[in-house]
Amino acid sequence: VYAGWGLSQAFYWQRVYERLGFPTLEDFLTGVWEPN
């Protein structure tokens, strides 16, 4: 739930998480938000 609010729509639309080293959205959720 937090992941959808902490970052903007544009962040996800532009797939910035890929530039951070997470190939998929699921990788980003499990690699950043859940461990947080």
Full PDB file with SEQRES, HELIX, SHEET, SSBOND, CRYST1, ORIGX, SCALE, CONECT and MASTER records, all heavy atoms in Angstrom:
SEQRES   1 A   36  VAL TYR ALA GLY TRP GLY LEU SER GLN ALA PHE TYR TRP          
SEQRES   2 A   36  GLN ARG VAL TYR GLU ARG LEU GLY PHE PRO THR LEU GLU          
SEQRES   3 A   36  ASP PHE LEU THR GLY VAL TRP GLU PRO ASN                      
HELIX    1 AA1 ALA A    3  GLY A    6  1                                   4    
HELIX    2 AA2 GLN A    9  TRP A   13  1                                   5    
HELIX    3 AA3 VAL A   16  ARG A   19  1                                   4    
HELIX    4 AA4 LEU A   25  PHE A   28  1                                   4    
HELIX    5 AA5 LEU A   29  TRP A   33  3                                   5    
CRYST1    1.000    1.000    1.000  90.00  90.00  90.00 P 1           1          
ORIGX1      1.000000  0.000000  0.000000        0.00000                         
ORIGX2      0.000000  1.000000  0.000000        0.00000                         
ORIGX3      0.000000  0.000000  1.000000        0.00000                         
SCALE1      1.000000  0.000000  0.000000        0.00000                         
SCALE2      0.000000  1.000000  0.000000        0.00000                         
SCALE3      0.000000  0.000000  1.000000        0.00000                         
ATOM      1  N   VAL A   1       0.847  -1.196   0.000  1.00  0.00           N  
ATOM      2  CA  VAL A   1       0.000   0.000   0.000  1.00  0.00           C  
ATOM      3  C   VAL A   1       0.882   1.245   0.000  1.00  0.00           C  
ATOM      4  O   VAL A   1       0.654   2.195  -0.766  1.00  0.00           O  
ATOM      5  CB  VAL A   1      -0.946   0.001   1.208  1.00  0.00           C  
ATOM      6  CG1 VAL A   1      -1.658   1.347   1.332  1.00  0.00           C  
ATOM      7  CG2 VAL A   1      -1.977  -1.123   1.096  1.00  0.00           C  
ATOM      8  N   TYR A   2       1.891   1.233   0.829  1.00  0.00           N  
ATOM      9  CA  TYR A   2       2.791   2.383   0.930  1.00  0.00           C  
ATOM     10  C   TYR A   2       3.485   2.674  -0.404  1.00  0.00           C  
ATOM     11  O   TYR A   2       3.701   3.836  -0.776  1.00  0.00           O  
ATOM     12  CB  TYR A   2       3.849   2.117   2.004  1.00  0.00           C  
ATOM     13  CG  TYR A   2       4.151   3.294   2.887  1.00  0.00           C  
ATOM     14  CD1 TYR A   2       3.826   3.268   4.237  1.00  0.00           C  
ATOM     15  CD2 TYR A   2       4.774   4.431   2.386  1.00  0.00           C  
ATOM     16  CE1 TYR A   2       4.106   4.348   5.056  1.00  0.00           C  
ATOM     17  CE2 TYR A   2       5.062   5.513   3.206  1.00  0.00           C  
ATOM     18  CZ  TYR A   2       4.726   5.463   4.541  1.00  0.00           C  
ATOM     19  OH  TYR A   2       5.001   6.522   5.347  1.00  0.00           O  
ATOM     20  N   ALA A   3       3.829   1.599  -1.146  1.00  0.00           N  
ATOM     21  CA  ALA A   3       4.564   1.765  -2.396  1.00  0.00           C  
ATOM     22  C   ALA A   3       3.791   2.590  -3.413  1.00  0.00           C  
ATOM     23  O   ALA A   3       4.382   3.300  -4.240  1.00  0.00           O  
ATOM     24  CB  ALA A   3       4.894   0.395  -2.986  1.00  0.00           C  
ATOM     25  N   GLY A   4       2.470   2.516  -3.369  1.00  0.00           N  
ATOM     26  CA  GLY A   4       1.655   3.265  -4.308  1.00  0.00           C  
ATOM     27  C   GLY A   4       1.504   4.724  -3.966  1.00  0.00           C  
ATOM     28  O   GLY A   4       1.028   5.519  -4.786  1.00  0.00           O  
ATOM     29  N   TRP A   5       1.877   5.097  -2.761  1.00  0.00           N  
ATOM     30  CA  TRP A   5       1.741   6.482  -2.300  1.00  0.00           C  
ATOM     31  C   TRP A   5       3.084   7.190  -2.131  1.00  0.00           C  
ATOM     32  O   TRP A   5       3.167   8.403  -2.283  1.00  0.00           O  
ATOM     33  CB  TRP A   5       1.010   6.505  -0.954  1.00  0.00           C  
ATOM     34  CG  TRP A   5      -0.441   6.168  -1.029  1.00  0.00           C  
ATOM     35  CD1 TRP A   5      -0.993   4.921  -1.133  1.00  0.00           C  
ATOM     36  CD2 TRP A   5      -1.521   7.082  -0.990  1.00  0.00           C  
ATOM     37  NE1 TRP A   5      -2.363   5.008  -1.145  1.00  0.00           N  
ATOM     38  CE2 TRP A   5      -2.712   6.331  -1.060  1.00  0.00           C  
ATOM     39  CE3 TRP A   5      -1.614   8.466  -0.890  1.00  0.00           C  
ATOM     40  CZ2 TRP A   5      -3.973   6.918  -1.041  1.00  0.00           C  
ATOM     41  CZ3 TRP A   5      -2.864   9.050  -0.867  1.00  0.00           C  
ATOM     42  CH2 TRP A   5      -4.025   8.285  -0.956  1.00  0.00           C  
ATOM     43  N   GLY A   6       4.124   6.448  -1.793  1.00  0.00           N  
ATOM     44  CA  GLY A   6       5.400   7.081  -1.495  1.00  0.00           C  
ATOM     45  C   GLY A   6       6.081   7.679  -2.705  1.00  0.00           C  
ATOM     46  O   GLY A   6       6.888   8.599  -2.578  1.00  0.00           O  
ATOM     47  N   LEU A   7       5.771   7.142  -3.878  1.00  0.00           N  
ATOM     48  CA  LEU A   7       6.343   7.642  -5.123  1.00  0.00           C  
ATOM     49  C   LEU A   7       5.221   8.050  -6.065  1.00  0.00           C  
ATOM     50  O   LEU A   7       4.092   7.583  -5.941  1.00  0.00           O  
ATOM     51  CB  LEU A   7       7.214   6.562  -5.767  1.00  0.00           C  
ATOM     52  CG  LEU A   7       8.486   6.220  -4.983  1.00  0.00           C  
ATOM     53  CD1 LEU A   7       9.012   4.852  -5.371  1.00  0.00           C  
ATOM     54  CD2 LEU A   7       9.556   7.291  -5.189  1.00  0.00           C  
ATOM     55  N   SER A   8       5.543   8.884  -7.026  1.00  0.00           N  
ATOM     56  CA  SER A   8       4.505   9.449  -7.884  1.00  0.00           C  
ATOM     57  C   SER A   8       4.116   8.506  -9.019  1.00  0.00           C  
ATOM     58  O   SER A   8       4.826   7.550  -9.349  1.00  0.00           O  
ATOM     59  CB  SER A   8       4.979  10.772  -8.477  1.00  0.00           C  
ATOM     60  OG  SER A   8       5.947  10.543  -9.493  1.00  0.00           O  
ATOM     61  N   GLN A   9       2.990   8.833  -9.660  1.00  0.00           N  
ATOM     62  CA  GLN A   9       2.575   8.106 -10.854  1.00  0.00           C  
ATOM     63  C   GLN A   9       3.657   8.199 -11.938  1.00  0.00           C  
ATOM     64  O   GLN A   9       3.951   7.221 -12.627  1.00  0.00           O  
ATOM     65  CB  GLN A   9       1.257   8.667 -11.388  1.00  0.00           C  
ATOM     66  CG  GLN A   9       0.074   8.496 -10.448  1.00  0.00           C  
ATOM     67  CD  GLN A   9      -0.199   9.747  -9.639  1.00  0.00           C  
ATOM     68  OE1 GLN A   9       0.726  10.504  -9.320  1.00  0.00           O  
ATOM     69  NE2 GLN A   9      -1.459   9.972  -9.290  1.00  0.00           N  
ATOM     70  N   ALA A  10       4.251   9.381 -12.072  1.00  0.00           N  
ATOM     71  CA  ALA A  10       5.275   9.586 -13.097  1.00  0.00           C  
ATOM     72  C   ALA A  10       6.500   8.708 -12.857  1.00  0.00           C  
ATOM     73  O   ALA A  10       7.127   8.217 -13.806  1.00  0.00           O  
ATOM     74  CB  ALA A  10       5.688  11.056 -13.140  1.00  0.00           C  
ATOM     75  N   PHE A  11       6.858   8.507 -11.586  1.00  0.00           N  
ATOM     76  CA  PHE A  11       7.990   7.629 -11.247  1.00  0.00           C  
ATOM     77  C   PHE A  11       7.758   6.240 -11.831  1.00  0.00           C  
ATOM     78  O   PHE A  11       8.655   5.638 -12.443  1.00  0.00           O  
ATOM     79  CB  PHE A  11       8.156   7.568  -9.730  1.00  0.00           C  
ATOM     80  CG  PHE A  11       9.251   6.659  -9.259  1.00  0.00           C  
ATOM     81  CD1 PHE A  11      10.506   7.155  -8.974  1.00  0.00           C  
ATOM     82  CD2 PHE A  11       9.033   5.290  -9.088  1.00  0.00           C  
ATOM     83  CE1 PHE A  11      11.531   6.323  -8.534  1.00  0.00           C  
ATOM     84  CE2 PHE A  11      10.045   4.450  -8.653  1.00  0.00           C  
ATOM     85  CZ  PHE A  11      11.292   4.963  -8.382  1.00  0.00           C  
ATOM     86  N   TYR A  12       6.555   5.733 -11.635  1.00  0.00           N  
ATOM     87  CA  TYR A  12       6.254   4.397 -12.132  1.00  0.00           C  
ATOM     88  C   TYR A  12       6.051   4.393 -13.647  1.00  0.00           C  
ATOM     89  O   TYR A  12       6.468   3.462 -14.347  1.00  0.00           O  
ATOM     90  CB  TYR A  12       5.029   3.834 -11.416  1.00  0.00           C  
ATOM     91  CG  TYR A  12       5.315   3.455  -9.974  1.00  0.00           C  
ATOM     92  CD1 TYR A  12       4.849   4.231  -8.920  1.00  0.00           C  
ATOM     93  CD2 TYR A  12       6.071   2.327  -9.673  1.00  0.00           C  
ATOM     94  CE1 TYR A  12       5.113   3.884  -7.605  1.00  0.00           C  
ATOM     95  CE2 TYR A  12       6.344   1.972  -8.361  1.00  0.00           C  
ATOM     96  CZ  TYR A  12       5.865   2.758  -7.325  1.00  0.00           C  
ATOM     97  OH  TYR A  12       6.140   2.405  -6.037  1.00  0.00           O  
ATOM     98  N   TRP A  13       5.394   5.422 -14.176  1.00  0.00           N  
ATOM     99  CA  TRP A  13       5.153   5.503 -15.613  1.00  0.00           C  
ATOM    100  C   TRP A  13       6.475   5.516 -16.386  1.00  0.00           C  
ATOM    101  O   TRP A  13       6.614   4.871 -17.429  1.00  0.00           O  
ATOM    102  CB  TRP A  13       4.342   6.760 -15.930  1.00  0.00           C  
ATOM    103  CG  TRP A  13       4.083   6.973 -17.392  1.00  0.00           C  
ATOM    104  CD1 TRP A  13       4.702   7.860 -18.223  1.00  0.00           C  
ATOM    105  CD2 TRP A  13       3.128   6.277 -18.204  1.00  0.00           C  
ATOM    106  NE1 TRP A  13       4.196   7.774 -19.498  1.00  0.00           N  
ATOM    107  CE2 TRP A  13       3.219   6.806 -19.516  1.00  0.00           C  
ATOM    108  CE3 TRP A  13       2.194   5.273 -17.956  1.00  0.00           C  
ATOM    109  CZ2 TRP A  13       2.431   6.353 -20.563  1.00  0.00           C  
ATOM    110  CZ3 TRP A  13       1.402   4.825 -19.011  1.00  0.00           C  
ATOM    111  CH2 TRP A  13       1.524   5.366 -20.285  1.00  0.00           C  
ATOM    112  N   GLN A  14       7.458   6.219 -15.841  1.00  0.00           N  
ATOM    113  CA  GLN A  14       8.764   6.303 -16.497  1.00  0.00           C  
ATOM    114  C   GLN A  14       9.690   5.137 -16.129  1.00  0.00           C  
ATOM    115  O   GLN A  14      10.847   5.107 -16.556  1.00  0.00           O  
ATOM    116  CB  GLN A  14       9.434   7.633 -16.145  1.00  0.00           C  
ATOM    117  CG  GLN A  14       8.677   8.842 -16.673  1.00  0.00           C  
ATOM    118  CD  GLN A  14       9.357  10.160 -16.335  1.00  0.00           C  
ATOM    119  OE1 GLN A  14      10.573  10.225 -16.170  1.00  0.00           O  
ATOM    120  NE2 GLN A  14       8.572  11.232 -16.234  1.00  0.00           N  
ATOM    121  N   ARG A  15       9.191   4.205 -15.340  1.00  0.00           N  
ATOM    122  CA  ARG A  15       9.927   2.993 -14.957  1.00  0.00           C  
ATOM    123  C   ARG A  15      11.308   3.320 -14.368  1.00  0.00           C  
ATOM    124  O   ARG A  15      12.324   2.690 -14.695  1.00  0.00           O  
ATOM    125  CB  ARG A  15      10.070   2.058 -16.157  1.00  0.00           C  
ATOM    126  CG  ARG A  15       8.738   1.582 -16.729  1.00  0.00           C  
ATOM    127  CD  ARG A  15       8.937   0.703 -17.951  1.00  0.00           C  
ATOM    128  NE  ARG A  15       7.654   0.285 -18.499  1.00  0.00           N  
ATOM    129  CZ  ARG A  15       7.004  -0.828 -18.160  1.00  0.00           C  
ATOM    130  NH1 ARG A  15       7.520  -1.647 -17.261  1.00  0.00           N  
ATOM    131  NH2 ARG A  15       5.849  -1.118 -18.730  1.00  0.00           N  
ATOM    132  N   VAL A  16      11.317   4.285 -13.487  1.00  0.00           N  
ATOM    133  CA  VAL A  16      12.583   4.676 -12.860  1.00  0.00           C  
ATOM    134  C   VAL A  16      13.175   3.512 -12.069  1.00  0.00           C  
ATOM    135  O   VAL A  16      14.400   3.388 -11.951  1.00  0.00           O  
ATOM    136  CB  VAL A  16      12.361   5.907 -11.947  1.00  0.00           C  
ATOM    137  CG1 VAL A  16      13.645   6.274 -11.217  1.00  0.00           C  
ATOM    138  CG2 VAL A  16      11.871   7.092 -12.775  1.00  0.00           C  
ATOM    139  N   TYR A  17      12.313   2.645 -11.567  1.00  0.00           N  
ATOM    140  CA  TYR A  17      12.806   1.498 -10.806  1.00  0.00           C  
ATOM    141  C   TYR A  17      13.748   0.624 -11.644  1.00  0.00           C  
ATOM    142  O   TYR A  17      14.657  -0.017 -11.101  1.00  0.00           O  
ATOM    143  CB  TYR A  17      11.640   0.671 -10.252  1.00  0.00           C  
ATOM    144  CG  TYR A  17      10.627   0.229 -11.271  1.00  0.00           C  
ATOM    145  CD1 TYR A  17      10.805  -0.946 -12.002  1.00  0.00           C  
ATOM    146  CD2 TYR A  17       9.468   0.968 -11.505  1.00  0.00           C  
ATOM    147  CE1 TYR A  17       9.880  -1.365 -12.944  1.00  0.00           C  
ATOM    148  CE2 TYR A  17       8.525   0.561 -12.440  1.00  0.00           C  
ATOM    149  CZ  TYR A  17       8.749  -0.601 -13.158  1.00  0.00           C  
ATOM    150  OH  TYR A  17       7.815  -1.014 -14.080  1.00  0.00           O  
ATOM    151  N   GLU A  18      13.556   0.600 -12.970  1.00  0.00           N  
ATOM    152  CA  GLU A  18      14.467  -0.173 -13.812  1.00  0.00           C  
ATOM    153  C   GLU A  18      15.862   0.424 -13.787  1.00  0.00           C  
ATOM    154  O   GLU A  18      16.862  -0.306 -13.755  1.00  0.00           O  
ATOM    155  CB  GLU A  18      13.932  -0.232 -15.244  1.00  0.00           C  
ATOM    156  CG  GLU A  18      12.637  -1.028 -15.378  1.00  0.00           C  
ATOM    157  CD  GLU A  18      12.134  -1.059 -16.809  1.00  0.00           C  
ATOM    158  OE1 GLU A  18      12.744  -0.381 -17.673  1.00  0.00           O  
ATOM    159  OE2 GLU A  18      11.126  -1.749 -17.071  1.00  0.00           O  
ATOM    160  N   ARG A  19      15.930   1.755 -13.767  1.00  0.00           N  
ATOM    161  CA  ARG A  19      17.235   2.421 -13.719  1.00  0.00           C  
ATOM    162  C   ARG A  19      17.913   2.227 -12.367  1.00  0.00           C  
ATOM    163  O   ARG A  19      19.127   2.410 -12.238  1.00  0.00           O  
ATOM    164  CB  ARG A  19      17.087   3.916 -14.027  1.00  0.00           C  
ATOM    165  CG  ARG A  19      16.463   4.197 -15.393  1.00  0.00           C  
ATOM    166  CD  ARG A  19      16.795   5.585 -15.891  1.00  0.00           C  
ATOM    167  NE  ARG A  19      16.228   6.646 -15.077  1.00  0.00           N  
ATOM    168  CZ  ARG A  19      15.033   7.194 -15.293  1.00  0.00           C  
ATOM    169  NH1 ARG A  19      14.260   6.746 -16.290  1.00  0.00           N  
ATOM    170  NH2 ARG A  19      14.597   8.167 -14.530  1.00  0.00           N  
ATOM    171  N   LEU A  20      17.121   1.855 -11.363  1.00  0.00           N  
ATOM    172  CA  LEU A  20      17.674   1.593 -10.034  1.00  0.00           C  
ATOM    173  C   LEU A  20      18.120   0.142  -9.874  1.00  0.00           C  
ATOM    174  O   LEU A  20      18.568  -0.264  -8.798  1.00  0.00           O  
ATOM    175  CB  LEU A  20      16.629   1.934  -8.965  1.00  0.00           C  
ATOM    176  CG  LEU A  20      16.179   3.395  -8.913  1.00  0.00           C  
ATOM    177  CD1 LEU A  20      15.061   3.568  -7.895  1.00  0.00           C  
ATOM    178  CD2 LEU A  20      17.343   4.318  -8.586  1.00  0.00           C  
ATOM    179  N   GLY A  21      17.955  -0.637 -10.948  1.00  0.00           N  
ATOM    180  CA  GLY A  21      18.438  -2.015 -10.914  1.00  0.00           C  
ATOM    181  C   GLY A  21      17.380  -3.073 -10.673  1.00  0.00           C  
ATOM    182  O   GLY A  21      17.730  -4.228 -10.394  1.00  0.00           O  
ATOM    183  N   PHE A  22      16.103  -2.718 -10.790  1.00  0.00           N  
ATOM    184  CA  PHE A  22      15.018  -3.675 -10.587  1.00  0.00           C  
ATOM    185  C   PHE A  22      14.314  -3.909 -11.917  1.00  0.00           C  
ATOM    186  O   PHE A  22      13.584  -3.035 -12.403  1.00  0.00           O  
ATOM    187  CB  PHE A  22      14.049  -3.160  -9.524  1.00  0.00           C  
ATOM    188  CG  PHE A  22      14.699  -2.948  -8.185  1.00  0.00           C  
ATOM    189  CD1 PHE A  22      15.203  -1.697  -7.826  1.00  0.00           C  
ATOM    190  CD2 PHE A  22      14.863  -4.000  -7.302  1.00  0.00           C  
ATOM    191  CE1 PHE A  22      15.824  -1.498  -6.619  1.00  0.00           C  
ATOM    192  CE2 PHE A  22      15.494  -3.812  -6.083  1.00  0.00           C  
ATOM    193  CZ  PHE A  22      15.971  -2.567  -5.730  1.00  0.00           C  
ATOM    194  N   PRO A  23      14.508  -5.074 -12.526  1.00  0.00           N  
ATOM    195  CA  PRO A  23      13.987  -5.312 -13.875  1.00  0.00           C  
ATOM    196  C   PRO A  23      12.474  -5.245 -13.982  1.00  0.00           C  
ATOM    197  O   PRO A  23      11.943  -4.870 -15.025  1.00  0.00           O  
ATOM    198  CB  PRO A  23      14.495  -6.725 -14.210  1.00  0.00           C  
ATOM    199  CG  PRO A  23      15.629  -6.967 -13.277  1.00  0.00           C  
ATOM    200  CD  PRO A  23      15.308  -6.196 -12.040  1.00  0.00           C  
ATOM    201  N   THR A  24      11.776  -5.632 -12.915  1.00  0.00           N  
ATOM    202  CA  THR A  24      10.317  -5.637 -12.960  1.00  0.00           C  
ATOM    203  C   THR A  24       9.756  -4.887 -11.767  1.00  0.00           C  
ATOM    204  O   THR A  24      10.451  -4.658 -10.761  1.00  0.00           O  
ATOM    205  CB  THR A  24       9.760  -7.077 -12.926  1.00  0.00           C  
ATOM    206  OG1 THR A  24      10.002  -7.647 -11.628  1.00  0.00           O  
ATOM    207  CG2 THR A  24      10.401  -7.941 -13.993  1.00  0.00           C  
ATOM    208  N   LEU A  25       8.475  -4.550 -11.890  1.00  0.00           N  
ATOM    209  CA  LEU A  25       7.794  -3.884 -10.788  1.00  0.00           C  
ATOM    210  C   LEU A  25       7.771  -4.775  -9.551  1.00  0.00           C  
ATOM    211  O   LEU A  25       7.958  -4.301  -8.421  1.00  0.00           O  
ATOM    212  CB  LEU A  25       6.373  -3.523 -11.217  1.00  0.00           C  
ATOM    213  CG  LEU A  25       5.548  -2.652 -10.267  1.00  0.00           C  
ATOM    214  CD1 LEU A  25       6.252  -1.330 -10.004  1.00  0.00           C  
ATOM    215  CD2 LEU A  25       4.161  -2.412 -10.853  1.00  0.00           C  
ATOM    216  N   GLU A  26       7.548  -6.071  -9.751  1.00  0.00           N  
ATOM    217  CA  GLU A  26       7.538  -7.001  -8.623  1.00  0.00           C  
ATOM    218  C   GLU A  26       8.901  -7.036  -7.933  1.00  0.00           C  
ATOM    219  O   GLU A  26       8.990  -7.081  -6.699  1.00  0.00           O  
ATOM    220  CB  GLU A  26       7.143  -8.401  -9.095  1.00  0.00           C  
ATOM    221  CG  GLU A  26       7.061  -9.446  -7.991  1.00  0.00           C  
ATOM    222  CD  GLU A  26       5.957  -9.181  -6.981  1.00  0.00           C  
ATOM    223  OE1 GLU A  26       5.055  -8.349  -7.252  1.00  0.00           O  
ATOM    224  OE2 GLU A  26       5.992  -9.800  -5.896  1.00  0.00           O  
ATOM    225  N   ASP A  27       9.958  -6.999  -8.716  1.00  0.00           N  
ATOM    226  CA  ASP A  27      11.300  -6.946  -8.125  1.00  0.00           C  
ATOM    227  C   ASP A  27      11.463  -5.709  -7.246  1.00  0.00           C  
ATOM    228  O   ASP A  27      12.102  -5.771  -6.183  1.00  0.00           O  
ATOM    229  CB  ASP A  27      12.369  -6.927  -9.222  1.00  0.00           C  
ATOM    230  CG  ASP A  27      12.481  -8.238  -9.967  1.00  0.00           C  
ATOM    231  OD1 ASP A  27      12.194  -9.289  -9.373  1.00  0.00           O  
ATOM    232  OD2 ASP A  27      12.850  -8.202 -11.164  1.00  0.00           O  
ATOM    233  N   PHE A  28      10.906  -4.591  -7.701  1.00  0.00           N  
ATOM    234  CA  PHE A  28      11.008  -3.345  -6.939  1.00  0.00           C  
ATOM    235  C   PHE A  28      10.220  -3.445  -5.632  1.00  0.00           C  
ATOM    236  O   PHE A  28      10.706  -3.039  -4.572  1.00  0.00           O  
ATOM    237  CB  PHE A  28      10.493  -2.194  -7.792  1.00  0.00           C  
ATOM    238  CG  PHE A  28      10.639  -0.830  -7.170  1.00  0.00           C  
ATOM    239  CD1 PHE A  28      11.873  -0.372  -6.747  1.00  0.00           C  
ATOM    240  CD2 PHE A  28       9.544   0.001  -7.026  1.00  0.00           C  
ATOM    241  CE1 PHE A  28      12.027   0.885  -6.181  1.00  0.00           C  
ATOM    242  CE2 PHE A  28       9.674   1.266  -6.458  1.00  0.00           C  
ATOM    243  CZ  PHE A  28      10.919   1.707  -6.037  1.00  0.00           C  
ATOM    244  N   LEU A  29       9.030  -4.016  -5.693  1.00  0.00           N  
ATOM    245  CA  LEU A  29       8.202  -4.146  -4.488  1.00  0.00           C  
ATOM    246  C   LEU A  29       8.848  -5.079  -3.474  1.00  0.00           C  
ATOM    247  O   LEU A  29       8.871  -4.794  -2.272  1.00  0.00           O  
ATOM    248  CB  LEU A  29       6.811  -4.648  -4.860  1.00  0.00           C  
ATOM    249  CG  LEU A  29       5.959  -3.707  -5.715  1.00  0.00           C  
ATOM    250  CD1 LEU A  29       4.661  -4.379  -6.124  1.00  0.00           C  
ATOM    251  CD2 LEU A  29       5.672  -2.411  -4.977  1.00  0.00           C  
ATOM    252  N   THR A  30       9.371  -6.197  -3.954  1.00  0.00           N  
ATOM    253  CA  THR A  30       9.969  -7.164  -3.034  1.00  0.00           C  
ATOM    254  C   THR A  30      11.392  -6.793  -2.637  1.00  0.00           C  
ATOM    255  O   THR A  30      11.880  -7.208  -1.585  1.00  0.00           O  
ATOM    256  CB  THR A  30       9.967  -8.571  -3.641  1.00  0.00           C  
ATOM    257  OG1 THR A  30      10.698  -8.555  -4.880  1.00  0.00           O  
ATOM    258  CG2 THR A  30       8.547  -9.056  -3.890  1.00  0.00           C  
ATOM    259  N   GLY A  31      12.054  -6.000  -3.482  1.00  0.00           N  
ATOM    260  CA  GLY A  31      13.445  -5.650  -3.200  1.00  0.00           C  
ATOM    261  C   GLY A  31      13.635  -4.378  -2.412  1.00  0.00           C  
ATOM    262  O   GLY A  31      14.668  -4.193  -1.756  1.00  0.00           O  
ATOM    263  N   VAL A  32      12.628  -3.483  -2.451  1.00  0.00           N  
ATOM    264  CA  VAL A  32      12.740  -2.200  -1.747  1.00  0.00           C  
ATOM    265  C   VAL A  32      11.645  -2.035  -0.696  1.00  0.00           C  
ATOM    266  O   VAL A  32      11.928  -1.840   0.483  1.00  0.00           O  
ATOM    267  CB  VAL A  32      12.689  -1.024  -2.751  1.00  0.00           C  
ATOM    268  CG1 VAL A  32      12.612   0.311  -2.010  1.00  0.00           C  
ATOM    269  CG2 VAL A  32      13.913  -1.042  -3.648  1.00  0.00           C  
ATOM    270  N   TRP A  33      10.402  -2.114  -1.121  1.00  0.00           N  
ATOM    271  CA  TRP A  33       9.321  -1.741  -0.216  1.00  0.00           C  
ATOM    272  C   TRP A  33       9.082  -2.753   0.888  1.00  0.00           C  
ATOM    273  O   TRP A  33       8.919  -2.372   2.064  1.00  0.00           O  
ATOM    274  CB  TRP A  33       8.038  -1.487  -1.015  1.00  0.00           C  
ATOM    275  CG  TRP A  33       8.128  -0.179  -1.723  1.00  0.00           C  
ATOM    276  CD1 TRP A  33       8.453   0.036  -3.030  1.00  0.00           C  
ATOM    277  CD2 TRP A  33       7.972   1.110  -1.128  1.00  0.00           C  
ATOM    278  NE1 TRP A  33       8.488   1.386  -3.296  1.00  0.00           N  
ATOM    279  CE2 TRP A  33       8.192   2.072  -2.151  1.00  0.00           C  
ATOM    280  CE3 TRP A  33       7.661   1.558   0.151  1.00  0.00           C  
ATOM    281  CZ2 TRP A  33       8.107   3.437  -1.915  1.00  0.00           C  
ATOM    282  CZ3 TRP A  33       7.575   2.914   0.390  1.00  0.00           C  
ATOM    283  CH2 TRP A  33       7.802   3.840  -0.638  1.00  0.00           C  
ATOM    284  N   GLU A  34       9.068  -4.017   0.569  1.00  0.00           N  
ATOM    285  CA  GLU A  34       8.844  -5.003   1.632  1.00  0.00           C  
ATOM    286  C   GLU A  34       9.982  -5.008   2.652  1.00  0.00           C  
ATOM    287  O   GLU A  34       9.728  -4.982   3.865  1.00  0.00           O  
ATOM    288  CB  GLU A  34       8.602  -6.376   1.027  1.00  0.00           C  
ATOM    289  CG  GLU A  34       7.273  -6.473   0.293  1.00  0.00           C  
ATOM    290  CD  GLU A  34       7.003  -7.842  -0.284  1.00  0.00           C  
ATOM    291  OE1 GLU A  34       7.668  -8.811   0.143  1.00  0.00           O  
ATOM    292  OE2 GLU A  34       6.126  -7.959  -1.163  1.00  0.00           O  
ATOM    293  N   PRO A  35      11.238  -5.008   2.230  1.00  0.00           N  
ATOM    294  CA  PRO A  35      12.320  -4.946   3.217  1.00  0.00           C  
ATOM    295  C   PRO A  35      12.332  -3.658   4.041  1.00  0.00           C  
ATOM    296  O   PRO A  35      12.807  -3.644   5.175  1.00  0.00           O  
ATOM    297  CB  PRO A  35      13.593  -5.060   2.361  1.00  0.00           C  
ATOM    298  CG  PRO A  35      13.157  -5.717   1.105  1.00  0.00           C  
ATOM    299  CD  PRO A  35      11.758  -5.238   0.875  1.00  0.00           C  
ATOM    300  N   ASN A  36      11.795  -2.575   3.472  1.00  0.00           N  
ATOM    301  CA  ASN A  36      11.806  -1.297   4.183  1.00  0.00           C  
ATOM    302  C   ASN A  36      11.083  -1.368   5.521  1.00  0.00           C  
ATOM    303  O   ASN A  36      11.460  -0.699   6.480  1.00  0.00           O  
ATOM    304  CB  ASN A  36      11.176  -0.221   3.307  1.00  0.00           C  
ATOM    305  CG  ASN A  36      11.304   1.163   3.901  1.00  0.00           C  
ATOM    306  OD1 ASN A  36      12.396   1.649   4.133  1.00  0.00           O  
ATOM    307  ND2 ASN A  36      10.175   1.805   4.164  1.00  0.00           N  
TER     308      ASN A  36                                                      
MASTER        0    0    0    5    0    0    0    6  307    1    0    3          
END                                                                             
